[in-house]
Amino acid sequence: MKYYILFGPPGAGKGTQANLMVDKFNLHHVSTGDLLRAEIAKGTELGHLAKSLIDKGNFVDDSIVEQMIENEIENNPQVTGFIFDGFPRTIAQAEVLEKMLEKRGHEVTKVISIIIEDKLVFDRIRHRASIEGRMDDTSAEIIQNRINTYHKKTEPLIEYYKNRGKYFEIDGNGEIQKIFGKISDLINQ
């Protein structure tokens, strides 16, 4: 079983690349954003809680996200692997994921980081909001908070995974297929 983490700031193209990876490598895409938006759409208690946090540009509590991830792994035994998109976002979440996988005798295969500049992050999120109607991505203040939160809380994972020999960077500027070609090369190594 393979476990890939797609890493990068919001708007880096993780979802787009994950969809291509699913089709080519028979992997299951686990997007915490998609899981949370589904809960919000269903109007569940979790969805209401998540919406109040997301609307401010904040992360949802670790315990909620971790339980959703564990459920996705348990409910998809037929796939050859998983792509985690939006998880882990903190060192604490990375340690929980490590323990979750160790219980199954597995470990993270590779962390593939899509690198883009903050200005491009801002532009892409704003563009995506207009196309997909994602209200959580429309305010400049919320977008900036998401970028700042990424730098402060998520970037420390770079060193965490570098120290484990699992971290690989991809330039996120350019054509989707060209970026996917680089990701495919990493997976095939």
N, C-alpha and C. Protein backbone atom coordinates (compact mmCIF):
# COMPACT_ATOMS: atom_id res chain seq x y z
N MET A 1 0.85 -1.18 0.00
CA MET A 1 0.00 0.00 0.00
C MET A 1 0.90 1.24 0.00
N LYS A 2 0.62 2.15 -0.91
CA LYS A 2 1.39 3.39 -1.02
C LYS A 2 0.61 4.54 -0.38
N TYR A 3 1.34 5.44 0.24
CA TYR A 3 0.73 6.61 0.87
C TYR A 3 1.52 7.85 0.45
N TYR A 4 0.91 8.65 -0.41
CA TYR A 4 1.54 9.88 -0.88
C TYR A 4 0.86 11.08 -0.23
N ILE A 5 1.66 12.06 0.11
CA ILE A 5 1.13 13.32 0.62
C ILE A 5 1.41 14.38 -0.43
N LEU A 6 0.36 15.06 -0.89
CA LEU A 6 0.53 16.21 -1.78
C LEU A 6 0.59 17.43 -0.89
N PHE A 7 1.66 18.16 -1.02
CA PHE A 7 1.95 19.25 -0.12
C PHE A 7 2.08 20.54 -0.91
N GLY A 8 1.73 21.64 -0.30
CA GLY A 8 1.87 22.94 -0.96
C GLY A 8 0.80 23.88 -0.45
N PRO A 9 0.96 25.15 -0.75
CA PRO A 9 -0.01 26.14 -0.27
C PRO A 9 -1.37 25.96 -0.93
N PRO A 10 -2.40 26.59 -0.36
CA PRO A 10 -3.70 26.54 -1.01
C PRO A 10 -3.58 27.12 -2.41
N GLY A 11 -4.25 26.51 -3.38
CA GLY A 11 -4.19 27.01 -4.76
C GLY A 11 -3.00 26.54 -5.56
N ALA A 12 -2.19 25.64 -4.99
CA ALA A 12 -0.99 25.16 -5.69
C ALA A 12 -1.32 24.16 -6.79
N GLY A 13 -2.55 23.64 -6.81
CA GLY A 13 -2.93 22.67 -7.82
C GLY A 13 -2.94 21.24 -7.31
N LYS A 14 -2.96 21.08 -5.99
CA LYS A 14 -2.94 19.73 -5.40
C LYS A 14 -4.14 18.90 -5.85
N GLY A 15 -5.32 19.49 -5.84
CA GLY A 15 -6.53 18.75 -6.23
C GLY A 15 -6.49 18.31 -7.68
N THR A 16 -6.04 19.20 -8.54
CA THR A 16 -5.93 18.90 -9.97
C THR A 16 -4.95 17.75 -10.19
N GLN A 17 -3.79 17.83 -9.55
CA GLN A 17 -2.77 16.79 -9.71
C GLN A 17 -3.23 15.47 -9.08
N ALA A 18 -3.92 15.55 -7.96
CA ALA A 18 -4.42 14.34 -7.30
C ALA A 18 -5.38 13.59 -8.22
N ASN A 19 -6.25 14.31 -8.91
CA ASN A 19 -7.19 13.66 -9.83
C ASN A 19 -6.46 12.91 -10.94
N LEU A 20 -5.38 13.50 -11.44
CA LEU A 20 -4.58 12.82 -12.47
C LEU A 20 -3.89 11.59 -11.91
N MET A 21 -3.41 11.69 -10.67
CA MET A 21 -2.75 10.56 -10.01
C MET A 21 -3.74 9.41 -9.78
N VAL A 22 -4.96 9.74 -9.40
CA VAL A 22 -6.00 8.73 -9.18
C VAL A 22 -6.21 7.92 -10.45
N ASP A 23 -6.38 8.62 -11.57
CA ASP A 23 -6.65 7.95 -12.84
C ASP A 23 -5.49 7.08 -13.30
N LYS A 24 -4.28 7.56 -13.16
CA LYS A 24 -3.12 6.84 -13.69
C LYS A 24 -2.63 5.71 -12.77
N PHE A 25 -2.72 5.92 -11.44
CA PHE A 25 -2.08 4.99 -10.51
C PHE A 25 -3.05 4.23 -9.60
N ASN A 26 -4.37 4.33 -9.84
CA ASN A 26 -5.38 3.66 -9.01
C ASN A 26 -5.21 3.98 -7.52
N LEU A 27 -5.08 5.27 -7.24
CA LEU A 27 -4.96 5.72 -5.86
C LEU A 27 -6.28 6.35 -5.42
N HIS A 28 -6.50 6.40 -4.12
CA HIS A 28 -7.70 7.04 -3.57
C HIS A 28 -7.32 8.43 -3.05
N HIS A 29 -7.98 9.44 -3.60
CA HIS A 29 -7.71 10.84 -3.22
C HIS A 29 -8.47 11.18 -1.94
N VAL A 30 -7.74 11.58 -0.92
CA VAL A 30 -8.35 11.98 0.34
C VAL A 30 -8.06 13.46 0.54
N SER A 31 -9.06 14.29 0.23
CA SER A 31 -8.94 15.73 0.39
C SER A 31 -9.72 16.15 1.63
N THR A 32 -9.01 16.67 2.62
CA THR A 32 -9.72 17.10 3.83
C THR A 32 -10.70 18.20 3.50
N GLY A 33 -10.36 19.07 2.55
CA GLY A 33 -11.27 20.14 2.15
C GLY A 33 -12.56 19.58 1.58
N ASP A 34 -12.45 18.57 0.69
CA ASP A 34 -13.64 17.94 0.10
C ASP A 34 -14.48 17.23 1.16
N LEU A 35 -13.80 16.53 2.08
CA LEU A 35 -14.53 15.82 3.14
C LEU A 35 -15.30 16.82 4.01
N LEU A 36 -14.64 17.93 4.35
CA LEU A 36 -15.30 18.93 5.18
C LEU A 36 -16.44 19.62 4.44
N ARG A 37 -16.22 19.95 3.15
CA ARG A 37 -17.30 20.58 2.37
C ARG A 37 -18.51 19.65 2.25
N ALA A 38 -18.27 18.34 2.17
CA ALA A 38 -19.37 17.37 2.11
C ALA A 38 -20.17 17.40 3.42
N GLU A 39 -19.46 17.50 4.55
CA GLU A 39 -20.14 17.58 5.85
C GLU A 39 -20.95 18.88 5.95
N ILE A 40 -20.38 19.96 5.44
CA ILE A 40 -21.08 21.25 5.46
C ILE A 40 -22.35 21.16 4.61
N ALA A 41 -22.21 20.56 3.42
CA ALA A 41 -23.36 20.44 2.51
C ALA A 41 -24.46 19.58 3.12
N LYS A 42 -24.08 18.54 3.89
CA LYS A 42 -25.07 17.68 4.53
C LYS A 42 -25.73 18.38 5.73
N GLY A 43 -25.09 19.47 6.21
CA GLY A 43 -25.64 20.18 7.35
C GLY A 43 -25.45 19.46 8.67
N THR A 44 -24.42 18.61 8.75
CA THR A 44 -24.18 17.87 9.98
C THR A 44 -23.61 18.79 11.06
N GLU A 45 -23.58 18.28 12.28
CA GLU A 45 -22.99 19.05 13.40
C GLU A 45 -21.53 19.35 13.10
N LEU A 46 -20.82 18.35 12.59
CA LEU A 46 -19.43 18.54 12.18
C LEU A 46 -19.34 19.61 11.10
N GLY A 47 -20.28 19.57 10.16
CA GLY A 47 -20.29 20.56 9.08
C GLY A 47 -20.48 21.98 9.59
N HIS A 48 -21.38 22.18 10.55
CA HIS A 48 -21.60 23.52 11.12
C HIS A 48 -20.35 24.02 11.84
N LEU A 49 -19.72 23.13 12.60
CA LEU A 49 -18.50 23.48 13.32
C LEU A 49 -17.39 23.83 12.33
N ALA A 50 -17.22 22.99 11.33
CA ALA A 50 -16.18 23.21 10.32
C ALA A 50 -16.40 24.52 9.59
N LYS A 51 -17.65 24.81 9.22
CA LYS A 51 -17.97 26.03 8.47
C LYS A 51 -17.59 27.27 9.27
N SER A 52 -17.87 27.27 10.56
CA SER A 52 -17.56 28.44 11.38
C SER A 52 -16.05 28.71 11.42
N LEU A 53 -15.25 27.65 11.40
CA LEU A 53 -13.79 27.80 11.40
C LEU A 53 -13.26 28.19 10.01
N ILE A 54 -13.76 27.50 8.99
CA ILE A 54 -13.30 27.73 7.62
C ILE A 54 -13.64 29.14 7.15
N ASP A 55 -14.83 29.64 7.53
CA ASP A 55 -15.25 30.98 7.12
C ASP A 55 -14.30 32.06 7.61
N LYS A 56 -13.54 31.75 8.65
CA LYS A 56 -12.56 32.70 9.18
C LYS A 56 -11.15 32.42 8.64
N GLY A 57 -11.02 31.38 7.83
CA GLY A 57 -9.71 31.01 7.27
C GLY A 57 -8.88 30.17 8.22
N ASN A 58 -9.50 29.58 9.24
CA ASN A 58 -8.78 28.78 10.23
C ASN A 58 -8.87 27.29 9.93
N PHE A 59 -7.97 26.52 10.55
CA PHE A 59 -7.98 25.07 10.41
C PHE A 59 -9.05 24.47 11.31
N VAL A 60 -9.56 23.32 10.92
CA VAL A 60 -10.51 22.55 11.72
C VAL A 60 -9.70 21.72 12.73
N ASP A 61 -10.28 21.47 13.90
CA ASP A 61 -9.58 20.73 14.96
C ASP A 61 -8.99 19.41 14.45
N ASP A 62 -7.78 19.12 14.93
CA ASP A 62 -7.07 17.91 14.52
C ASP A 62 -7.88 16.64 14.71
N SER A 63 -8.53 16.50 15.86
CA SER A 63 -9.23 15.25 16.16
C SER A 63 -10.32 14.95 15.13
N ILE A 64 -10.99 15.98 14.65
CA ILE A 64 -12.05 15.81 13.64
C ILE A 64 -11.44 15.33 12.33
N VAL A 65 -10.40 16.01 11.90
CA VAL A 65 -9.75 15.67 10.62
C VAL A 65 -9.13 14.27 10.69
N GLU A 66 -8.49 13.96 11.80
CA GLU A 66 -7.83 12.65 11.95
C GLU A 66 -8.84 11.51 11.87
N GLN A 67 -10.01 11.69 12.48
CA GLN A 67 -11.03 10.64 12.43
C GLN A 67 -11.54 10.44 11.00
N MET A 68 -11.70 11.56 10.26
CA MET A 68 -12.14 11.46 8.87
C MET A 68 -11.10 10.70 8.03
N ILE A 69 -9.82 10.97 8.27
CA ILE A 69 -8.74 10.29 7.52
C ILE A 69 -8.75 8.80 7.83
N GLU A 70 -8.83 8.46 9.11
CA GLU A 70 -8.85 7.06 9.53
C GLU A 70 -10.03 6.33 8.87
N ASN A 71 -11.19 6.95 8.83
CA ASN A 71 -12.37 6.36 8.19
C ASN A 71 -12.13 6.11 6.71
N GLU A 72 -11.49 7.06 6.03
CA GLU A 72 -11.23 6.90 4.59
C GLU A 72 -10.28 5.72 4.32
N ILE A 73 -9.26 5.57 5.16
CA ILE A 73 -8.32 4.45 4.98
C ILE A 73 -9.06 3.13 5.20
N GLU A 74 -9.84 3.05 6.27
CA GLU A 74 -10.55 1.80 6.59
C GLU A 74 -11.60 1.45 5.55
N ASN A 75 -12.24 2.45 4.97
CA ASN A 75 -13.36 2.20 4.05
C ASN A 75 -12.94 2.00 2.59
N ASN A 76 -11.63 1.98 2.31
CA ASN A 76 -11.16 1.83 0.93
C ASN A 76 -10.01 0.83 0.82
N PRO A 77 -10.26 -0.44 1.23
CA PRO A 77 -9.17 -1.43 1.20
C PRO A 77 -8.82 -1.92 -0.20
N GLN A 78 -9.66 -1.60 -1.20
CA GLN A 78 -9.47 -2.12 -2.55
C GLN A 78 -8.47 -1.33 -3.38
N VAL A 79 -8.03 -0.16 -2.92
CA VAL A 79 -7.13 0.66 -3.73
C VAL A 79 -5.67 0.26 -3.49
N THR A 80 -4.78 0.70 -4.40
CA THR A 80 -3.36 0.39 -4.25
C THR A 80 -2.64 1.42 -3.39
N GLY A 81 -3.35 2.51 -3.06
CA GLY A 81 -2.72 3.52 -2.22
C GLY A 81 -3.60 4.75 -2.07
N PHE A 82 -3.08 5.71 -1.33
CA PHE A 82 -3.81 6.93 -1.00
C PHE A 82 -2.99 8.16 -1.32
N ILE A 83 -3.69 9.22 -1.68
CA ILE A 83 -3.08 10.54 -1.83
C ILE A 83 -3.75 11.42 -0.79
N PHE A 84 -2.97 11.92 0.13
CA PHE A 84 -3.50 12.84 1.14
C PHE A 84 -3.26 14.27 0.67
N ASP A 85 -4.33 15.03 0.59
CA ASP A 85 -4.31 16.40 0.10
C ASP A 85 -4.92 17.28 1.20
N GLY A 86 -4.08 18.10 1.84
CA GLY A 86 -4.56 18.92 2.93
C GLY A 86 -4.37 18.26 4.28
N PHE A 87 -3.67 17.16 4.31
CA PHE A 87 -3.36 16.45 5.56
C PHE A 87 -2.07 15.68 5.35
N PRO A 88 -1.16 15.71 6.28
CA PRO A 88 -1.18 16.49 7.51
C PRO A 88 -0.83 17.96 7.25
N ARG A 89 -1.30 18.84 8.15
CA ARG A 89 -1.00 20.27 8.05
C ARG A 89 -0.10 20.75 9.17
N THR A 90 0.10 19.90 10.16
CA THR A 90 0.95 20.27 11.30
C THR A 90 1.83 19.08 11.67
N ILE A 91 2.87 19.33 12.46
CA ILE A 91 3.73 18.25 12.94
C ILE A 91 2.90 17.25 13.75
N ALA A 92 2.01 17.76 14.59
CA ALA A 92 1.17 16.87 15.41
C ALA A 92 0.35 15.93 14.53
N GLN A 93 -0.23 16.45 13.45
CA GLN A 93 -1.00 15.60 12.53
C GLN A 93 -0.08 14.60 11.83
N ALA A 94 1.13 15.01 11.48
CA ALA A 94 2.08 14.09 10.83
C ALA A 94 2.41 12.93 11.75
N GLU A 95 2.57 13.22 13.04
CA GLU A 95 2.88 12.17 14.01
C GLU A 95 1.69 11.22 14.17
N VAL A 96 0.47 11.75 14.16
CA VAL A 96 -0.73 10.91 14.24
C VAL A 96 -0.82 10.02 13.00
N LEU A 97 -0.57 10.59 11.83
CA LEU A 97 -0.61 9.80 10.59
C LEU A 97 0.42 8.68 10.65
N GLU A 98 1.61 8.99 11.13
CA GLU A 98 2.66 7.99 11.25
C GLU A 98 2.18 6.80 12.10
N LYS A 99 1.56 7.11 13.25
CA LYS A 99 1.05 6.06 14.15
C LYS A 99 -0.09 5.28 13.49
N MET A 100 -0.97 6.01 12.78
CA MET A 100 -2.09 5.38 12.09
C MET A 100 -1.58 4.34 11.08
N LEU A 101 -0.54 4.72 10.34
CA LEU A 101 0.01 3.83 9.31
C LEU A 101 0.83 2.70 9.94
N GLU A 102 1.57 3.01 11.01
CA GLU A 102 2.37 1.98 11.69
C GLU A 102 1.50 0.83 12.19
N LYS A 103 0.28 1.17 12.67
CA LYS A 103 -0.67 0.13 13.12
C LYS A 103 -0.95 -0.87 12.02
N ARG A 104 -0.86 -0.43 10.77
CA ARG A 104 -1.14 -1.28 9.62
C ARG A 104 0.15 -1.85 9.01
N GLY A 105 1.28 -1.53 9.63
CA GLY A 105 2.57 -1.98 9.10
C GLY A 105 3.02 -1.19 7.89
N HIS A 106 2.55 0.05 7.76
CA HIS A 106 2.86 0.90 6.60
C HIS A 106 3.52 2.20 7.05
N GLU A 107 3.95 2.97 6.05
CA GLU A 107 4.52 4.29 6.30
C GLU A 107 4.27 5.19 5.09
N VAL A 108 4.48 6.49 5.29
CA VAL A 108 4.35 7.44 4.18
C VAL A 108 5.38 7.07 3.12
N THR A 109 4.95 7.00 1.87
CA THR A 109 5.84 6.64 0.77
C THR A 109 6.67 7.85 0.35
N LYS A 110 5.97 8.94 -0.03
CA LYS A 110 6.64 10.17 -0.45
C LYS A 110 5.75 11.37 -0.17
N VAL A 111 6.41 12.49 0.09
CA VAL A 111 5.72 13.78 0.20
C VAL A 111 6.12 14.56 -1.04
N ILE A 112 5.14 14.89 -1.86
CA ILE A 112 5.38 15.62 -3.11
C ILE A 112 4.87 17.04 -2.90
N SER A 113 5.80 17.98 -2.88
CA SER A 113 5.47 19.37 -2.57
C SER A 113 5.44 20.20 -3.85
N ILE A 114 4.29 20.82 -4.10
CA ILE A 114 4.12 21.69 -5.27
C ILE A 114 4.40 23.12 -4.81
N ILE A 115 5.45 23.71 -5.34
CA ILE A 115 5.92 25.02 -4.88
C ILE A 115 5.44 26.13 -5.82
N ILE A 116 4.76 27.14 -5.26
CA ILE A 116 4.40 28.35 -6.00
C ILE A 116 4.54 29.56 -5.07
N GLU A 117 4.69 30.74 -5.66
CA GLU A 117 4.86 31.97 -4.88
C GLU A 117 3.53 32.44 -4.30
N ASP A 118 3.61 33.21 -3.20
CA ASP A 118 2.40 33.71 -2.52
C ASP A 118 1.49 34.51 -3.43
N LYS A 119 2.06 35.33 -4.30
CA LYS A 119 1.24 36.16 -5.21
C LYS A 119 0.39 35.26 -6.10
N LEU A 120 0.99 34.19 -6.61
CA LEU A 120 0.27 33.25 -7.46
C LEU A 120 -0.78 32.49 -6.65
N VAL A 121 -0.46 32.15 -5.39
CA VAL A 121 -1.43 31.51 -4.50
C VAL A 121 -2.67 32.39 -4.40
N PHE A 122 -2.46 33.67 -4.11
CA PHE A 122 -3.55 34.63 -3.94
C PHE A 122 -4.41 34.68 -5.21
N ASP A 123 -3.75 34.84 -6.35
CA ASP A 123 -4.47 34.95 -7.63
C ASP A 123 -5.26 33.68 -7.95
N ARG A 124 -4.64 32.53 -7.73
CA ARG A 124 -5.31 31.26 -8.03
C ARG A 124 -6.53 31.03 -7.13
N ILE A 125 -6.38 31.33 -5.84
CA ILE A 125 -7.51 31.13 -4.92
C ILE A 125 -8.67 32.03 -5.31
N ARG A 126 -8.36 33.28 -5.60
CA ARG A 126 -9.42 34.21 -5.98
C ARG A 126 -10.10 33.75 -7.28
N HIS A 127 -9.32 33.28 -8.25
CA HIS A 127 -9.87 32.78 -9.51
C HIS A 127 -10.73 31.54 -9.27
N ARG A 128 -10.22 30.62 -8.46
CA ARG A 128 -10.96 29.39 -8.15
C ARG A 128 -12.30 29.72 -7.47
N ALA A 129 -12.28 30.69 -6.59
CA ALA A 129 -13.51 31.09 -5.88
C ALA A 129 -14.58 31.56 -6.86
N SER A 130 -14.15 32.31 -7.88
CA SER A 130 -15.12 32.82 -8.85
C SER A 130 -15.69 31.71 -9.73
N ILE A 131 -14.89 30.69 -10.02
CA ILE A 131 -15.33 29.58 -10.87
C ILE A 131 -16.19 28.58 -10.08
N GLU A 132 -15.73 28.21 -8.89
CA GLU A 132 -16.38 27.15 -8.12
C GLU A 132 -17.40 27.67 -7.11
N GLY A 133 -17.50 29.00 -6.97
CA GLY A 133 -18.44 29.55 -6.01
C GLY A 133 -18.09 29.24 -4.57
N ARG A 134 -16.78 29.10 -4.29
CA ARG A 134 -16.34 28.78 -2.93
C ARG A 134 -16.26 30.07 -2.13
N MET A 135 -17.28 30.32 -1.34
CA MET A 135 -17.38 31.57 -0.59
C MET A 135 -16.27 31.72 0.44
N ASP A 136 -15.70 30.60 0.89
CA ASP A 136 -14.61 30.68 1.87
C ASP A 136 -13.33 31.24 1.23
N ASP A 137 -13.31 31.38 -0.09
CA ASP A 137 -12.11 31.86 -0.80
C ASP A 137 -12.29 33.25 -1.42
N THR A 138 -13.32 34.01 -1.05
CA THR A 138 -13.58 35.27 -1.75
C THR A 138 -12.94 36.49 -1.09
N SER A 139 -12.75 36.49 0.20
CA SER A 139 -12.24 37.66 0.91
C SER A 139 -10.71 37.71 0.88
N ALA A 140 -10.17 38.88 0.53
CA ALA A 140 -8.71 39.05 0.50
C ALA A 140 -8.11 38.78 1.88
N GLU A 141 -8.82 39.19 2.92
CA GLU A 141 -8.33 38.99 4.29
C GLU A 141 -8.26 37.50 4.64
N ILE A 142 -9.30 36.75 4.24
CA ILE A 142 -9.31 35.31 4.51
C ILE A 142 -8.23 34.59 3.70
N ILE A 143 -8.07 35.00 2.44
CA ILE A 143 -7.03 34.38 1.60
C ILE A 143 -5.66 34.63 2.22
N GLN A 144 -5.40 35.86 2.64
CA GLN A 144 -4.11 36.19 3.25
C GLN A 144 -3.91 35.40 4.54
N ASN A 145 -4.97 35.24 5.33
CA ASN A 145 -4.89 34.45 6.56
C ASN A 145 -4.54 33.00 6.24
N ARG A 146 -5.13 32.45 5.17
CA ARG A 146 -4.81 31.07 4.78
C ARG A 146 -3.34 30.94 4.38
N ILE A 147 -2.83 31.93 3.65
CA ILE A 147 -1.41 31.91 3.24
C ILE A 147 -0.51 32.00 4.48
N ASN A 148 -0.84 32.93 5.38
CA ASN A 148 -0.04 33.10 6.60
C ASN A 148 -0.07 31.85 7.47
N THR A 149 -1.27 31.25 7.60
CA THR A 149 -1.42 30.03 8.40
C THR A 149 -0.59 28.90 7.79
N TYR A 150 -0.60 28.80 6.46
CA TYR A 150 0.21 27.79 5.78
C TYR A 150 1.69 27.96 6.14
N HIS A 151 2.20 29.19 6.02
CA HIS A 151 3.62 29.43 6.32
C HIS A 151 3.95 29.12 7.77
N LYS A 152 3.08 29.52 8.67
CA LYS A 152 3.37 29.38 10.10
C LYS A 152 3.21 27.94 10.60
N LYS A 153 2.11 27.28 10.21
CA LYS A 153 1.80 25.98 10.79
C LYS A 153 2.20 24.79 9.92
N THR A 154 2.16 24.96 8.60
CA THR A 154 2.36 23.81 7.71
C THR A 154 3.80 23.70 7.20
N GLU A 155 4.45 24.82 6.92
CA GLU A 155 5.81 24.74 6.38
C GLU A 155 6.81 23.99 7.27
N PRO A 156 6.63 23.98 8.60
CA PRO A 156 7.56 23.17 9.41
C PRO A 156 7.58 21.68 9.02
N LEU A 157 6.54 21.23 8.32
CA LEU A 157 6.51 19.84 7.86
C LEU A 157 7.59 19.55 6.82
N ILE A 158 8.06 20.59 6.14
CA ILE A 158 9.11 20.39 5.14
C ILE A 158 10.33 19.75 5.81
N GLU A 159 10.80 20.34 6.90
CA GLU A 159 11.96 19.78 7.61
C GLU A 159 11.65 18.41 8.20
N TYR A 160 10.45 18.27 8.72
CA TYR A 160 10.02 17.00 9.32
C TYR A 160 10.19 15.86 8.31
N TYR A 161 9.68 16.07 7.09
CA TYR A 161 9.74 15.01 6.08
C TYR A 161 11.11 14.95 5.38
N LYS A 162 11.81 16.07 5.29
CA LYS A 162 13.18 16.02 4.75
C LYS A 162 14.05 15.13 5.63
N ASN A 163 13.90 15.29 6.95
CA ASN A 163 14.69 14.50 7.90
C ASN A 163 14.39 13.01 7.79
N ARG A 164 13.25 12.65 7.24
CA ARG A 164 12.88 11.25 7.05
C ARG A 164 13.17 10.76 5.63
N GLY A 165 13.75 11.65 4.79
CA GLY A 165 14.08 11.28 3.42
C GLY A 165 12.86 11.07 2.53
N LYS A 166 11.73 11.69 2.89
CA LYS A 166 10.47 11.47 2.16
C LYS A 166 10.05 12.67 1.32
N TYR A 167 10.75 13.80 1.42
CA TYR A 167 10.29 15.08 0.86
C TYR A 167 10.89 15.34 -0.52
N PHE A 168 10.00 15.67 -1.51
CA PHE A 168 10.43 15.98 -2.86
C PHE A 168 9.66 17.19 -3.36
N GLU A 169 10.36 18.15 -3.98
CA GLU A 169 9.71 19.38 -4.47
C GLU A 169 9.51 19.35 -5.98
N ILE A 170 8.38 19.94 -6.40
CA ILE A 170 8.04 20.11 -7.81
C ILE A 170 7.70 21.58 -8.02
N ASP A 171 8.21 22.18 -9.08
CA ASP A 171 7.85 23.56 -9.42
C ASP A 171 6.40 23.56 -9.91
N GLY A 172 5.54 24.33 -9.23
CA GLY A 172 4.12 24.36 -9.55
C GLY A 172 3.73 25.37 -10.60
N ASN A 173 4.70 26.07 -11.18
CA ASN A 173 4.40 27.00 -12.27
C ASN A 173 4.46 26.22 -13.59
N GLY A 174 3.55 26.53 -14.49
CA GLY A 174 3.58 25.87 -15.79
C GLY A 174 2.33 25.07 -16.07
N GLU A 175 2.40 24.31 -17.13
CA GLU A 175 1.25 23.54 -17.60
C GLU A 175 0.96 22.35 -16.69
N ILE A 176 -0.32 22.04 -16.55
CA ILE A 176 -0.77 20.96 -15.67
C ILE A 176 -0.10 19.64 -16.04
N GLN A 177 -0.07 19.30 -17.33
CA GLN A 177 0.50 18.01 -17.75
C GLN A 177 2.01 17.93 -17.51
N LYS A 178 2.68 19.07 -17.63
CA LYS A 178 4.13 19.09 -17.40
C LYS A 178 4.41 18.83 -15.91
N ILE A 179 3.63 19.47 -15.05
CA ILE A 179 3.77 19.26 -13.61
C ILE A 179 3.46 17.80 -13.28
N PHE A 180 2.39 17.27 -13.90
CA PHE A 180 2.02 15.88 -13.65
C PHE A 180 3.12 14.92 -14.12
N GLY A 181 3.79 15.25 -15.19
CA GLY A 181 4.90 14.43 -15.67
C GLY A 181 6.00 14.30 -14.61
N LYS A 182 6.29 15.42 -13.93
CA LYS A 182 7.31 15.40 -12.86
C LYS A 182 6.84 14.55 -11.68
N ILE A 183 5.56 14.67 -11.36
CA ILE A 183 5.00 13.87 -10.26
C ILE A 183 5.04 12.38 -10.63
N SER A 184 4.67 12.05 -11.84
CA SER A 184 4.69 10.65 -12.31
C SER A 184 6.10 10.08 -12.23
N ASP A 185 7.09 10.88 -12.60
CA ASP A 185 8.49 10.43 -12.52
C ASP A 185 8.85 10.07 -11.07
N LEU A 186 8.41 10.91 -10.12
CA LEU A 186 8.69 10.63 -8.70
C LEU A 186 8.01 9.34 -8.25
N ILE A 187 6.78 9.15 -8.66
CA ILE A 187 6.04 7.95 -8.26
C ILE A 187 6.67 6.70 -8.85
N ASN A 188 7.15 6.80 -10.08
CA ASN A 188 7.74 5.64 -10.76
C ASN A 188 9.15 5.31 -10.31
N GLN A 189 9.79 6.19 -9.56
CA GLN A 189 11.17 5.94 -9.11
C GLN A 189 11.23 4.78 -8.13
